[in-house]
PDB file of all heavy atoms in Angstrom:
ATOM      1  N   GLU A   1     -18.409   6.723  -8.123  1.00  0.00           N
ATOM      2  CA  GLU A   1     -19.654   7.227  -8.707  1.00  0.00           C
ATOM      3  C   GLU A   1     -20.065   6.419  -9.936  1.00  0.00           C
ATOM      4  O   GLU A   1     -21.253   6.182 -10.173  1.00  0.00           O
ATOM      5  CB  GLU A   1     -19.520   8.714  -9.057  1.00  0.00           C
ATOM      6  CG  GLU A   1     -19.332   9.612  -7.840  1.00  0.00           C
ATOM      7  CD  GLU A   1     -20.433   9.415  -6.790  1.00  0.00           C
ATOM      8  OE1 GLU A   1     -21.619   9.311  -7.182  1.00  0.00           O
ATOM      9  OE2 GLU A   1     -20.106   9.349  -5.596  1.00  0.00           O
ATOM     10  N   HIS A   2     -19.067   5.978 -10.704  1.00  0.00           N
ATOM     11  CA  HIS A   2     -19.353   5.133 -11.866  1.00  0.00           C
ATOM     12  C   HIS A   2     -19.962   3.812 -11.413  1.00  0.00           C
ATOM     13  O   HIS A   2     -20.929   3.315 -12.013  1.00  0.00           O
ATOM     14  CB  HIS A   2     -18.064   4.895 -12.657  1.00  0.00           C
ATOM     15  CG  HIS A   2     -18.250   4.196 -13.969  1.00  0.00           C
ATOM     16  ND1 HIS A   2     -18.448   2.835 -14.055  1.00  0.00           N
ATOM     17  CD2 HIS A   2     -18.294   4.658 -15.243  1.00  0.00           C
ATOM     18  CE1 HIS A   2     -18.595   2.493 -15.331  1.00  0.00           C
ATOM     19  NE2 HIS A   2     -18.503   3.582 -16.075  1.00  0.00           N
ATOM     20  N   ALA A   3     -19.415   3.243 -10.342  1.00  0.00           N
ATOM     21  CA  ALA A   3     -19.924   1.979  -9.806  1.00  0.00           C
ATOM     22  C   ALA A   3     -21.342   2.144  -9.279  1.00  0.00           C
ATOM     23  O   ALA A   3     -22.220   1.288  -9.515  1.00  0.00           O
ATOM     24  CB  ALA A   3     -19.000   1.473  -8.706  1.00  0.00           C
ATOM     25  N   LYS A   4     -21.584   3.230  -8.556  1.00  0.00           N
ATOM     26  CA  LYS A   4     -22.915   3.476  -7.994  1.00  0.00           C
ATOM     27  C   LYS A   4     -23.948   3.683  -9.098  1.00  0.00           C
ATOM     28  O   LYS A   4     -25.078   3.197  -9.010  1.00  0.00           O
ATOM     29  CB  LYS A   4     -22.871   4.696  -7.071  1.00  0.00           C
ATOM     30  CG  LYS A   4     -22.172   4.427  -5.747  1.00  0.00           C
ATOM     31  CD  LYS A   4     -21.808   5.708  -5.012  1.00  0.00           C
ATOM     32  CE  LYS A   4     -23.006   6.528  -4.611  1.00  0.00           C
ATOM     33  NZ  LYS A   4     -22.605   7.713  -3.824  1.00  0.00           N
ATOM     34  N   LYS A   5     -23.551   4.382 -10.136  1.00  0.00           N
ATOM     35  CA  LYS A   5     -24.478   4.698 -11.228  1.00  0.00           C
ATOM     36  C   LYS A   5     -24.997   3.446 -11.903  1.00  0.00           C
ATOM     37  O   LYS A   5     -26.156   3.380 -12.320  1.00  0.00           O
ATOM     38  CB  LYS A   5     -23.781   5.604 -12.241  1.00  0.00           C
ATOM     39  CG  LYS A   5     -24.685   6.103 -13.356  1.00  0.00           C
ATOM     40  CD  LYS A   5     -23.936   7.063 -14.274  1.00  0.00           C
ATOM     41  CE  LYS A   5     -24.841   7.556 -15.398  1.00  0.00           C
ATOM     42  NZ  LYS A   5     -24.134   8.504 -16.303  1.00  0.00           N
ATOM     43  N   ARG A   6     -24.142   2.419 -11.996  1.00  0.00           N
ATOM     44  CA  ARG A   6     -24.591   1.197 -12.676  1.00  0.00           C
ATOM     45  C   ARG A   6     -25.043   0.123 -11.680  1.00  0.00           C
ATOM     46  O   ARG A   6     -25.332  -1.011 -12.069  1.00  0.00           O
ATOM     47  CB  ARG A   6     -23.490   0.659 -13.593  1.00  0.00           C
ATOM     48  CG  ARG A   6     -22.244   0.162 -12.918  1.00  0.00           C
ATOM     49  CD  ARG A   6     -21.197  -0.319 -13.917  1.00  0.00           C
ATOM     50  NE  ARG A   6     -20.104  -0.996 -13.241  1.00  0.00           N
ATOM     51  CZ  ARG A   6     -20.101  -2.292 -12.893  1.00  0.00           C
ATOM     52  NH1 ARG A   6     -21.123  -3.052 -13.194  1.00  0.00           N
ATOM     53  NH2 ARG A   6     -19.064  -2.814 -12.265  1.00  0.00           N
ATOM     54  N   GLY A   7     -25.112   0.494 -10.396  1.00  0.00           N
ATOM     55  CA  GLY A   7     -25.614  -0.430  -9.388  1.00  0.00           C
ATOM     56  C   GLY A   7     -24.714  -1.608  -9.107  1.00  0.00           C
ATOM     57  O   GLY A   7     -25.177  -2.717  -8.806  1.00  0.00           O
ATOM     58  N   ALA A   8     -23.410  -1.395  -9.192  1.00  0.00           N
ATOM     59  CA  ALA A   8     -22.450  -2.486  -9.007  1.00  0.00           C
ATOM     60  C   ALA A   8     -22.367  -2.927  -7.552  1.00  0.00           C
ATOM     61  O   ALA A   8     -22.523  -2.124  -6.626  1.00  0.00           O
ATOM     62  CB  ALA A   8     -21.071  -2.040  -9.476  1.00  0.00           C
ATOM     63  N   LYS A   9     -22.089  -4.203  -7.360  1.00  0.00           N
ATOM     64  CA  LYS A   9     -21.782  -4.704  -6.024  1.00  0.00           C
ATOM     65  C   LYS A   9     -20.391  -4.212  -5.645  1.00  0.00           C
ATOM     66  O   LYS A   9     -19.451  -4.297  -6.448  1.00  0.00           O
ATOM     67  CB  LYS A   9     -21.811  -6.232  -5.997  1.00  0.00           C
ATOM     68  CG  LYS A   9     -21.383  -6.820  -4.654  1.00  0.00           C
ATOM     69  CD  LYS A   9     -21.435  -8.337  -4.638  1.00  0.00           C
ATOM     70  CE  LYS A   9     -20.963  -8.871  -3.294  1.00  0.00           C
ATOM     71  NZ  LYS A   9     -21.058 -10.349  -3.211  1.00  0.00           N
ATOM     72  N   ILE A  10     -20.234  -3.730  -4.430  1.00  0.00           N
ATOM     73  CA  ILE A  10     -18.946  -3.222  -3.967  1.00  0.00           C
ATOM     74  C   ILE A  10     -18.422  -4.142  -2.874  1.00  0.00           C
ATOM     75  O   ILE A  10     -19.058  -4.318  -1.827  1.00  0.00           O
ATOM     76  CB  ILE A  10     -19.072  -1.773  -3.453  1.00  0.00           C
ATOM     77  CG1 ILE A  10     -19.449  -0.838  -4.611  1.00  0.00           C
ATOM     78  CG2 ILE A  10     -17.773  -1.314  -2.784  1.00  0.00           C
ATOM     79  CD1 ILE A  10     -19.768   0.588  -4.191  1.00  0.00           C
ATOM     80  N   TYR A  11     -17.269  -4.749  -3.125  1.00  0.00           N
ATOM     81  CA  TYR A  11     -16.657  -5.645  -2.138  1.00  0.00           C
ATOM     82  C   TYR A  11     -15.939  -4.877  -1.035  1.00  0.00           C
ATOM     83  O   TYR A  11     -15.991  -5.257   0.131  1.00  0.00           O
ATOM     84  CB  TYR A  11     -15.659  -6.582  -2.825  1.00  0.00           C
ATOM     85  CG  TYR A  11     -16.296  -7.656  -3.660  1.00  0.00           C
ATOM     86  CD1 TYR A  11     -16.407  -7.515  -5.041  1.00  0.00           C
ATOM     87  CD2 TYR A  11     -16.806  -8.808  -3.074  1.00  0.00           C
ATOM     88  CE1 TYR A  11     -17.004  -8.500  -5.814  1.00  0.00           C
ATOM     89  CE2 TYR A  11     -17.400  -9.806  -3.834  1.00  0.00           C
ATOM     90  CZ  TYR A  11     -17.496  -9.644  -5.208  1.00  0.00           C
ATOM     91  OH  TYR A  11     -18.088 -10.615  -5.960  1.00  0.00           O
ATOM     92  N   ALA A  12     -15.218  -3.842  -1.431  1.00  0.00           N
ATOM     93  CA  ALA A  12     -14.422  -3.061  -0.487  1.00  0.00           C
ATOM     94  C   ALA A  12     -13.965  -1.799  -1.191  1.00  0.00           C
ATOM     95  O   ALA A  12     -14.104  -1.663  -2.412  1.00  0.00           O
ATOM     96  CB  ALA A  12     -13.212  -3.867   0.004  1.00  0.00           C
ATOM     97  N   GLU A  13     -13.423  -0.887  -0.422  1.00  0.00           N
ATOM     98  CA  GLU A  13     -12.850   0.331  -0.987  1.00  0.00           C
ATOM     99  C   GLU A  13     -11.337   0.299  -0.775  1.00  0.00           C
ATOM    100  O   GLU A  13     -10.865  -0.107   0.287  1.00  0.00           O
ATOM    101  CB  GLU A  13     -13.445   1.561  -0.305  1.00  0.00           C
ATOM    102  CG  GLU A  13     -12.924   2.885  -0.841  1.00  0.00           C
ATOM    103  CD  GLU A  13     -13.624   4.105  -0.255  1.00  0.00           C
ATOM    104  OE1 GLU A  13     -14.473   3.930   0.649  1.00  0.00           O
ATOM    105  OE2 GLU A  13     -13.317   5.238  -0.699  1.00  0.00           O
ATOM    106  N   ILE A  14     -10.591   0.681  -1.797  1.00  0.00           N
ATOM    107  CA  ILE A  14      -9.155   0.886  -1.603  1.00  0.00           C
ATOM    108  C   ILE A  14      -8.971   2.333  -1.179  1.00  0.00           C
ATOM    109  O   ILE A  14      -9.395   3.256  -1.893  1.00  0.00           O
ATOM    110  CB  ILE A  14      -8.341   0.627  -2.883  1.00  0.00           C
ATOM    111  CG1 ILE A  14      -8.530  -0.791  -3.395  1.00  0.00           C
ATOM    112  CG2 ILE A  14      -6.856   0.861  -2.611  1.00  0.00           C
ATOM    113  CD1 ILE A  14      -7.645  -1.140  -4.573  1.00  0.00           C
ATOM    114  N   VAL A  15      -8.347   2.533  -0.041  1.00  0.00           N
ATOM    115  CA  VAL A  15      -8.183   3.907   0.451  1.00  0.00           C
ATOM    116  C   VAL A  15      -6.721   4.346   0.521  1.00  0.00           C
ATOM    117  O   VAL A  15      -6.443   5.542   0.603  1.00  0.00           O
ATOM    118  CB  VAL A  15      -8.853   4.090   1.830  1.00  0.00           C
ATOM    119  CG1 VAL A  15     -10.352   3.881   1.722  1.00  0.00           C
ATOM    120  CG2 VAL A  15      -8.254   3.146   2.883  1.00  0.00           C
ATOM    121  N   GLY A  16      -5.781   3.390   0.504  1.00  0.00           N
ATOM    122  CA  GLY A  16      -4.379   3.777   0.647  1.00  0.00           C
ATOM    123  C   GLY A  16      -3.416   2.874  -0.081  1.00  0.00           C
ATOM    124  O   GLY A  16      -3.681   1.678  -0.266  1.00  0.00           O
ATOM    125  N   TYR A  17      -2.318   3.466  -0.491  1.00  0.00           N
ATOM    126  CA  TYR A  17      -1.251   2.746  -1.203  1.00  0.00           C
ATOM    127  C   TYR A  17       0.079   3.389  -0.837  1.00  0.00           C
ATOM    128  O   TYR A  17       0.223   4.612  -0.902  1.00  0.00           O
ATOM    129  CB  TYR A  17      -1.502   2.839  -2.708  1.00  0.00           C
ATOM    130  CG  TYR A  17      -0.369   2.425  -3.628  1.00  0.00           C
ATOM    131  CD1 TYR A  17       0.316   1.228  -3.460  1.00  0.00           C
ATOM    132  CD2 TYR A  17      -0.003   3.253  -4.694  1.00  0.00           C
ATOM    133  CE1 TYR A  17       1.334   0.858  -4.329  1.00  0.00           C
ATOM    134  CE2 TYR A  17       1.000   2.882  -5.583  1.00  0.00           C
ATOM    135  CZ  TYR A  17       1.670   1.691  -5.399  1.00  0.00           C
ATOM    136  OH  TYR A  17       2.675   1.329  -6.263  1.00  0.00           O
ATOM    137  N   GLY A  18       1.031   2.557  -0.427  1.00  0.00           N
ATOM    138  CA  GLY A  18       2.365   3.053  -0.109  1.00  0.00           C
ATOM    139  C   GLY A  18       3.423   2.200  -0.767  1.00  0.00           C
ATOM    140  O   GLY A  18       3.269   0.969  -0.855  1.00  0.00           O
ATOM    141  N   ALA A  19       4.485   2.827  -1.256  1.00  0.00           N
ATOM    142  CA  ALA A  19       5.562   2.096  -1.930  1.00  0.00           C
ATOM    143  C   ALA A  19       6.903   2.710  -1.575  1.00  0.00           C
ATOM    144  O   ALA A  19       7.062   3.942  -1.608  1.00  0.00           O
ATOM    145  CB  ALA A  19       5.350   2.116  -3.443  1.00  0.00           C
ATOM    146  N   THR A  20       7.868   1.870  -1.227  1.00  0.00           N
ATOM    147  CA  THR A  20       9.210   2.323  -0.855  1.00  0.00           C
ATOM    148  C   THR A  20      10.243   1.321  -1.354  1.00  0.00           C
ATOM    149  O   THR A  20       9.900   0.274  -1.900  1.00  0.00           O
ATOM    150  CB  THR A  20       9.370   2.438   0.680  1.00  0.00           C
ATOM    151  OG1 THR A  20       9.221   1.115   1.251  1.00  0.00           O
ATOM    152  CG2 THR A  20       8.348   3.374   1.301  1.00  0.00           C
ATOM    153  N   ALA A  21      11.516   1.650  -1.125  1.00  0.00           N
ATOM    154  CA  ALA A  21      12.618   0.730  -1.412  1.00  0.00           C
ATOM    155  C   ALA A  21      13.500   0.598  -0.178  1.00  0.00           C
ATOM    156  O   ALA A  21      13.726   1.570   0.552  1.00  0.00           O
ATOM    157  CB  ALA A  21      13.440   1.236  -2.592  1.00  0.00           C
ATOM    158  N   ASP A  22      14.016  -0.604   0.046  1.00  0.00           N
ATOM    159  CA  ASP A  22      14.956  -0.815   1.156  1.00  0.00           C
ATOM    160  C   ASP A  22      16.321  -0.198   0.865  1.00  0.00           C
ATOM    161  O   ASP A  22      17.030   0.208   1.796  1.00  0.00           O
ATOM    162  CB  ASP A  22      15.151  -2.313   1.412  1.00  0.00           C
ATOM    163  CG  ASP A  22      13.994  -2.943   2.163  1.00  0.00           C
ATOM    164  OD1 ASP A  22      13.129  -2.203   2.659  1.00  0.00           O
ATOM    165  OD2 ASP A  22      13.956  -4.192   2.237  1.00  0.00           O
ATOM    166  N   ALA A  23      16.707  -0.168  -0.420  1.00  0.00           N
ATOM    167  CA  ALA A  23      18.047   0.303  -0.793  1.00  0.00           C
ATOM    168  C   ALA A  23      19.110  -0.393   0.054  1.00  0.00           C
ATOM    169  O   ALA A  23      20.016   0.234   0.602  1.00  0.00           O
ATOM    170  CB  ALA A  23      18.144   1.827  -0.646  1.00  0.00           C
ATOM    171  N   TYR A  24      18.985  -1.718   0.118  1.00  0.00           N
ATOM    172  CA  TYR A  24      19.826  -2.478   1.043  1.00  0.00           C
ATOM    173  C   TYR A  24      20.515  -3.672   0.385  1.00  0.00           C
ATOM    174  O   TYR A  24      21.742  -3.788   0.428  1.00  0.00           O
ATOM    175  CB  TYR A  24      18.944  -2.947   2.214  1.00  0.00           C
ATOM    176  CG  TYR A  24      19.637  -3.868   3.197  1.00  0.00           C
ATOM    177  CD1 TYR A  24      20.636  -3.395   4.040  1.00  0.00           C
ATOM    178  CD2 TYR A  24      19.267  -5.215   3.284  1.00  0.00           C
ATOM    179  CE1 TYR A  24      21.273  -4.246   4.946  1.00  0.00           C
ATOM    180  CE2 TYR A  24      19.889  -6.071   4.183  1.00  0.00           C
ATOM    181  CZ  TYR A  24      20.894  -5.581   5.004  1.00  0.00           C
ATOM    182  OH  TYR A  24      21.516  -6.416   5.897  1.00  0.00           O
ATOM    183  N   HIS A  25      19.769  -4.575  -0.246  1.00  0.00           N
ATOM    184  CA  HIS A  25      20.341  -5.826  -0.743  1.00  0.00           C
ATOM    185  C   HIS A  25      19.438  -6.361  -1.845  1.00  0.00           C
ATOM    186  O   HIS A  25      18.231  -6.120  -1.840  1.00  0.00           O
ATOM    187  CB  HIS A  25      20.438  -6.834   0.412  1.00  0.00           C
ATOM    188  CG  HIS A  25      21.214  -8.076   0.084  1.00  0.00           C
ATOM    189  ND1 HIS A  25      20.633  -9.184  -0.494  1.00  0.00           N
ATOM    190  CD2 HIS A  25      22.527  -8.389   0.260  1.00  0.00           C
ATOM    191  CE1 HIS A  25      21.551 -10.135  -0.651  1.00  0.00           C
ATOM    192  NE2 HIS A  25      22.706  -9.685  -0.209  1.00  0.00           N
ATOM    193  N   VAL A  26      20.017  -7.131  -2.791  1.00  0.00           N
ATOM    194  CA  VAL A  26      19.211  -7.601  -3.916  1.00  0.00           C
ATOM    195  C   VAL A  26      18.177  -8.655  -3.535  1.00  0.00           C
ATOM    196  O   VAL A  26      17.149  -8.793  -4.209  1.00  0.00           O
ATOM    197  CB  VAL A  26      20.096  -8.143  -5.066  1.00  0.00           C
ATOM    198  CG1 VAL A  26      20.869  -7.023  -5.728  1.00  0.00           C
ATOM    199  CG2 VAL A  26      21.016  -9.256  -4.586  1.00  0.00           C
ATOM    200  N   THR A  27      18.416  -9.418  -2.480  1.00  0.00           N
ATOM    201  CA  THR A  27      17.441 -10.432  -2.085  1.00  0.00           C
ATOM    202  C   THR A  27      16.974 -10.308  -0.638  1.00  0.00           C
ATOM    203  O   THR A  27      15.825 -10.630  -0.330  1.00  0.00           O
ATOM    204  CB  THR A  27      17.993 -11.861  -2.286  1.00  0.00           C
ATOM    205  OG1 THR A  27      19.202 -12.010  -1.527  1.00  0.00           O
ATOM    206  CG2 THR A  27      18.274 -12.128  -3.753  1.00  0.00           C
ATOM    207  N   ALA A  28      17.829  -9.845   0.266  1.00  0.00           N
ATOM    208  CA  ALA A  28      17.472  -9.791   1.682  1.00  0.00           C
ATOM    209  C   ALA A  28      16.749  -8.487   2.019  1.00  0.00           C
ATOM    210  O   ALA A  28      17.160  -7.416   1.578  1.00  0.00           O
ATOM    211  CB  ALA A  28      18.729  -9.908   2.549  1.00  0.00           C
ATOM    212  N   PRO A  29      15.670  -8.567   2.797  1.00  0.00           N
ATOM    213  CA  PRO A  29      15.008  -7.336   3.246  1.00  0.00           C
ATOM    214  C   PRO A  29      15.858  -6.626   4.304  1.00  0.00           C
ATOM    215  O   PRO A  29      16.711  -7.233   4.946  1.00  0.00           O
ATOM    216  CB  PRO A  29      13.691  -7.836   3.845  1.00  0.00           C
ATOM    217  CG  PRO A  29      13.927  -9.263   4.194  1.00  0.00           C
ATOM    218  CD  PRO A  29      14.980  -9.782   3.266  1.00  0.00           C
ATOM    219  N   ALA A  30      15.626  -5.327   4.462  1.00  0.00           N
ATOM    220  CA  ALA A  30      16.351  -4.565   5.484  1.00  0.00           C
ATOM    221  C   ALA A  30      16.090  -5.172   6.857  1.00  0.00           C
ATOM    222  O   ALA A  30      14.945  -5.480   7.212  1.00  0.00           O
ATOM    223  CB  ALA A  30      15.921  -3.100   5.456  1.00  0.00           C
ATOM    224  N   GLU A  31      17.150  -5.351   7.625  1.00  0.00           N
ATOM    225  CA  GLU A  31      17.055  -6.104   8.875  1.00  0.00           C
ATOM    226  C   GLU A  31      16.164  -5.454   9.923  1.00  0.00           C
ATOM    227  O   GLU A  31      15.584  -6.141  10.761  1.00  0.00           O
ATOM    228  CB  GLU A  31      18.458  -6.337   9.435  1.00  0.00           C
ATOM    229  CG  GLU A  31      19.307  -7.250   8.552  1.00  0.00           C
ATOM    230  CD  GLU A  31      20.681  -7.524   9.130  1.00  0.00           C
ATOM    231  OE1 GLU A  31      20.919  -7.182  10.309  1.00  0.00           O
ATOM    232  OE2 GLU A  31      21.516  -8.088   8.408  1.00  0.00           O
ATOM    233  N   ASP A  32      16.073  -4.117   9.902  1.00  0.00           N
ATOM    234  CA  ASP A  32      15.223  -3.460  10.894  1.00  0.00           C
ATOM    235  C   ASP A  32      13.789  -3.253  10.396  1.00  0.00           C
ATOM    236  O   ASP A  32      12.938  -2.735  11.116  1.00  0.00           O
ATOM    237  CB  ASP A  32      15.823  -2.121  11.332  1.00  0.00           C
ATOM    238  CG  ASP A  32      15.975  -1.137  10.182  1.00  0.00           C
ATOM    239  OD1 ASP A  32      15.601  -1.478   9.045  1.00  0.00           O
ATOM    240  OD2 ASP A  32      16.481  -0.017  10.433  1.00  0.00           O
ATOM    241  N   GLY A  33      13.535  -3.658   9.151  1.00  0.00           N
ATOM    242  CA  GLY A  33      12.193  -3.550   8.613  1.00  0.00           C
ATOM    243  C   GLY A  33      11.753  -2.148   8.260  1.00  0.00           C
ATOM    244  O   GLY A  33      10.570  -1.900   8.000  1.00  0.00           O
ATOM    245  N   ASN A  34      12.688  -1.204   8.193  1.00  0.00           N
ATOM    246  CA  ASN A  34      12.288   0.205   8.032  1.00  0.00           C
ATOM    247  C   ASN A  34      11.631   0.488   6.688  1.00  0.00           C
ATOM    248  O   ASN A  34      10.716   1.309   6.599  1.00  0.00           O
ATOM    249  CB  ASN A  34      13.472   1.138   8.261  1.00  0.00           C
ATOM    250  CG  ASN A  34      14.507   1.077   7.150  1.00  0.00           C
ATOM    251  OD1 ASN A  34      14.416   1.761   6.144  1.00  0.00           O
ATOM    252  ND2 ASN A  34      15.526   0.247   7.346  1.00  0.00           N
ATOM    253  N   GLY A  35      12.086  -0.186   5.611  1.00  0.00           N
ATOM    254  CA  GLY A  35      11.510   0.070   4.297  1.00  0.00           C
ATOM    255  C   GLY A  35      10.062  -0.379   4.210  1.00  0.00           C
ATOM    256  O   GLY A  35       9.180   0.368   3.775  1.00  0.00           O
ATOM    257  N   ALA A  36       9.807  -1.611   4.633  1.00  0.00           N
ATOM    258  CA  ALA A  36       8.437  -2.132   4.613  1.00  0.00           C
ATOM    259  C   ALA A  36       7.552  -1.346   5.571  1.00  0.00           C
ATOM    260  O   ALA A  36       6.370  -1.096   5.276  1.00  0.00           O
ATOM    261  CB  ALA A  36       8.443  -3.612   4.981  1.00  0.00           C
ATOM    262  N   ALA A  37       8.102  -0.955   6.711  1.00  0.00           N
ATOM    263  CA  ALA A  37       7.328  -0.164   7.675  1.00  0.00           C
ATOM    264  C   ALA A  37       6.891   1.159   7.076  1.00  0.00           C
ATOM    265  O   ALA A  37       5.745   1.596   7.241  1.00  0.00           O
ATOM    266  CB  ALA A  37       8.146   0.074   8.938  1.00  0.00           C
ATOM    267  N   LYS A  38       7.805   1.809   6.363  1.00  0.00           N
ATOM    268  CA  LYS A  38       7.480   3.110   5.772  1.00  0.00           C
ATOM    269  C   LYS A  38       6.407   2.961   4.699  1.00  0.00           C
ATOM    270  O   LYS A  38       5.543   3.834   4.550  1.00  0.00           O
ATOM    271  CB  LYS A  38       8.737   3.747   5.199  1.00  0.00           C
ATOM    272  CG  LYS A  38       8.570   5.189   4.778  1.00  0.00           C
ATOM    273  CD  LYS A  38       8.173   6.102   5.939  1.00  0.00           C
ATOM    274  CE  LYS A  38       9.317   6.326   6.913  1.00  0.00           C
ATOM    275  NZ  LYS A  38       8.941   7.339   7.950  1.00  0.00           N
ATOM    276  N   ALA A  39       6.424   1.850   3.927  1.00  0.00           N
ATOM    277  CA  ALA A  39       5.372   1.621   2.938  1.00  0.00           C
ATOM    278  C   ALA A  39       4.013   1.519   3.632  1.00  0.00           C
ATOM    279  O   ALA A  39       3.007   2.072   3.152  1.00  0.00           O
ATOM    280  CB  ALA A  39       5.656   0.356   2.134  1.00  0.00           C
ATOM    281  N   MET A  40       3.966   0.819   4.765  1.00  0.00           N
ATOM    282  CA  MET A  40       2.725   0.719   5.535  1.00  0.00           C
ATOM    283  C   MET A  40       2.296   2.078   6.068  1.00  0.00           C
ATOM    284  O   MET A  40       1.117   2.455   5.998  1.00  0.00           O
ATOM    285  CB  MET A  40       2.891  -0.281   6.681  1.00  0.00           C
ATOM    286  CG  MET A  40       2.865  -1.736   6.256  1.00  0.00           C
ATOM    287  SD  MET A  40       3.005  -2.890   7.653  1.00  0.00           S
ATOM    288  CE  MET A  40       4.756  -3.274   7.569  1.00  0.00           C
ATOM    289  N   GLU A  41       3.253   2.827   6.588  1.00  0.00           N
ATOM    290  CA  GLU A  41       2.943   4.162   7.123  1.00  0.00           C
ATOM    291  C   GLU A  41       2.384   5.070   6.029  1.00  0.00           C
ATOM    292  O   GLU A  41       1.396   5.788   6.238  1.00  0.00           O
ATOM    293  CB  GLU A  41       4.202   4.788   7.732  1.00  0.00           C
ATOM    294  CG  GLU A  41       4.657   4.138   9.028  1.00  0.00           C
ATOM    295  CD  GLU A  41       6.022   4.666   9.479  1.00  0.00           C
ATOM    296  OE1 GLU A  41       6.410   5.763   9.038  1.00  0.00           O
ATOM    297  OE2 GLU A  41       6.685   3.962  10.253  1.00  0.00           O
ATOM    298  N   TYR A  42       3.024   5.047   4.865  1.00  0.00           N
ATOM    299  CA  TYR A  42       2.549   5.867   3.753  1.00  0.00           C
ATOM    300  C   TYR A  42       1.142   5.468   3.325  1.00  0.00           C
ATOM    301  O   TYR A  42       0.292   6.315   3.019  1.00  0.00           O
ATOM    302  CB  TYR A  42       3.496   5.748   2.558  1.00  0.00           C
ATOM    303  CG  TYR A  42       4.802   6.496   2.676  1.00  0.00           C
ATOM    304  CD1 TYR A  42       5.870   6.204   1.824  1.00  0.00           C
ATOM    305  CD2 TYR A  42       4.989   7.496   3.629  1.00  0.00           C
ATOM    306  CE1 TYR A  42       7.078   6.877   1.914  1.00  0.00           C
ATOM    307  CE2 TYR A  42       6.192   8.174   3.732  1.00  0.00           C
ATOM    308  CZ  TYR A  42       7.244   7.868   2.871  1.00  0.00           C
ATOM    309  OH  TYR A  42       8.427   8.539   2.956  1.00  0.00           O
ATOM    310  N   ALA A  43       0.897   4.146   3.273  1.00  0.00           N
ATOM    311  CA  ALA A  43      -0.424   3.668   2.859  1.00  0.00           C
ATOM    312  C   ALA A  43      -1.502   4.088   3.855  1.00  0.00           C
ATOM    313  O   ALA A  43      -2.600   4.505   3.467  1.00  0.00           O
ATOM    314  CB  ALA A  43      -0.397   2.147   2.707  1.00  0.00           C
ATOM    315  N   LEU A  44      -1.191   3.974   5.146  1.00  0.00           N
ATOM    316  CA  LEU A  44      -2.149   4.382   6.176  1.00  0.00           C
ATOM    317  C   LEU A  44      -2.422   5.885   6.111  1.00  0.00           C
ATOM    318  O   LEU A  44      -3.579   6.329   6.191  1.00  0.00           O
ATOM    319  CB  LEU A  44      -1.626   3.999   7.565  1.00  0.00           C
ATOM    320  CG  LEU A  44      -1.590   2.502   7.876  1.00  0.00           C
ATOM    321  CD1 LEU A  44      -0.810   2.235   9.148  1.00  0.00           C
ATOM    322  CD2 LEU A  44      -3.001   1.936   7.991  1.00  0.00           C
ATOM    323  N   LYS A  45      -1.367   6.659   5.928  1.00  0.00           N
ATOM    324  CA  LYS A  45      -1.534   8.119   5.820  1.00  0.00           C
ATOM    325  C   LYS A  45      -2.352   8.473   4.588  1.00  0.00           C
ATOM    326  O   LYS A  45      -3.236   9.339   4.630  1.00  0.00           O
ATOM    327  CB  LYS A  45      -0.160   8.792   5.758  1.00  0.00           C
ATOM    328  CG  LYS A  45      -0.226  10.315   5.724  1.00  0.00           C
ATOM    329  CD  LYS A  45       1.165  10.930   5.703  1.00  0.00           C
ATOM    330  CE  LYS A  45       1.081  12.458   5.660  1.00  0.00           C
ATOM    331  NZ  LYS A  45       2.441  13.075   5.613  1.00  0.00           N
ATOM    332  N   ASP A  46      -2.073   7.792   3.490  1.00  0.00           N
ATOM    333  CA  ASP A  46      -2.800   8.017   2.239  1.00  0.00           C
ATOM    334  C   ASP A  46      -4.295   7.769   2.429  1.00  0.00           C
ATOM    335  O   ASP A  46      -5.140   8.477   1.858  1.00  0.00           O
ATOM    336  CB  ASP A  46      -2.239   7.077   1.161  1.00  0.00           C
ATOM    337  CG  ASP A  46      -2.785   7.344  -0.229  1.00  0.00           C
ATOM    338  OD1 ASP A  46      -2.965   8.525  -0.594  1.00  0.00           O
ATOM    339  OD2 ASP A  46      -3.018   6.369  -0.971  1.00  0.00           O
TER     340      ASP A  46
END
């Protein structure tokens, strides 16, 4: 509403954000991708 009121150009809307932890290793991502997948799932649901 603040953007609309001042007539701002809108590039896109942010609609979702998801954040998780692998709780697996200091440098290697979880091998099955479950942590990153859950962040995506949370963001989509959000």
